[in-house]
Amino acid sequence: MDHMAGRVRLVVTGMLLILLFLPFSCAAAAEKADSSVRYENEELGISLALPTGFRLVKLEPAGAIYERERDGVCILVHAEDWRSRGTLPPHFYRMVPSVYADKIKKEKQKRYKLLRAEPMEIQGMPVLRVKWFDPGPKVYREDYRWAMPGRMFLLRVNSKTKEGLTEGEWKALMDSLSMRPIFTRHAVASEHVSYALPSSCYVFPEAKHDEEHAFLAMDENMLAGVAIPARRKAGYMLPADLSDLTEEGKAETEAFLRKDLQDAAPQARNVQVDFGMTKNQVPYVRVSFDIGSEGEGGTDSESVSYFIQHNKAVLSFDYVYPKAKAELVRALVQKSVDSIVLE
C-alpha cells in the first residue's frame, strides 16, 4: 500500500499547483446564451445541468465556463482525460482526493486563504471539497475535485461573496450530474486486433495470462480477454467466412462449438449460439452460457464469447460477469464487441 500511495503521489503532484489554483475569468467574451444551460462531455461521460440564470461564457475541449449576470457567480467545469496514463488499479482513483488533501495541507500559499478542506461523496465517489479566498481579485472559490477510471473532474464556483450557490442550487446541480462509463482501446499486438474495454479494467501483464489467452483484463464487474482456442486444441477451425454461411453451415458450426464447450466446460448450462455482425462489420459467432450453482439463488455467472476469424486464425473475445450484474454489463459488452477492429 505504501508503494501504491507513493505512485499515486508521483502521478498527482505534478499537476497539483496548476489544477489547484486553475484560474478563470468571468470577463471572457460571452458567446451566445445557452437556453438549455447544460454541460455535456460525451468523450469523458459527464453531463450536468446549470442552475437557473447561468449562460455559457466559454467552451473549451477540457471544459466550460458559465456565468450568472445578476450576481456575477461563475462556474467552471473541467474534465481531464487520464487514459494516456495507461492501466491504473481501480482503487487509484478513490485515493486521488485524499492525495490532494494531503498536498493542500503541506502547501505554504501566502496569497490564498484556505477556509475549508473536507472529504465528501458524490454518487458513491470520494470527493475533495475545498473553499478558499483569493485576496487579489477578492474572490471566493469553492472546488469539488474527484477522479474516476480514465478521467479527473473539477467543479469550481467563483463568487464575490461567501455564499456562492445556495444549498438548493448545489443539490439540483448534483442531482443532475450524470457520470457514465468510458472506454479505453487496447491492442492485442500479437493477433493484429484491437478493441475497447471500460477504463476501469485493469490489464494483466502477459506473465499473468493463462495458456490460451493473449490478453486479459478485469474490473469489479467483469473479466474480459482475447483467447486463441488453437492453443488449447490443435487444429481448432471454423469456416473461413462467417458472414456468408448457409443454414447447413451454421448448423455444423453451432454443433462444433456446442461439442467443444461441452468438452471444455461440462458444467455450462443454458447454452445459446447466435450469428451476427459488429458495427465495424466484423462477422462473429456468439456463444453464451450460465455457469455456477443451480441452487435457490440461481446461477452465479454468465459467460459470453464472440468467435471471429482473422488472419486464418480463430479468436475468441471472452466476457464473464456475475449474474447479478448482467443488466449493467451486457450493455458494456455490446459496446466492447462493436469496437473490435481488425488491423
Foldseek 3Di string as FASTA:
>chain_A
DVVLVVVLLVVQVVCQVCVVCVDDDLPAAADDFDPQQKDDDVQQFKIWHADPQWGWRDQDNQWTKIARPVFGKIKTKGKFFQCVVDFDAQCSQLCNLVSSVVVVVPDDDPQKAWDDWDWDDQPRHIWIWTWIAGVPVQKIKIWIWGDGQRMIIIMMMIGNDPCGDDPVSVVNGSVRMTGDFHWDKDALPVQQKIWIATSNKGWDPPVPDDQFFSTWIDHPFKIKTKGFCCSVPPPDDADQDLVDDDPVSVVVRVVVVVVVCCVVPVQWAPWDWDWDAALVGFTWIKIKTFHDDCDPVGTFKIKMWTWGAAPNTIMIIIMMGGPVCCVVVVVRVNNRVNGMDRD
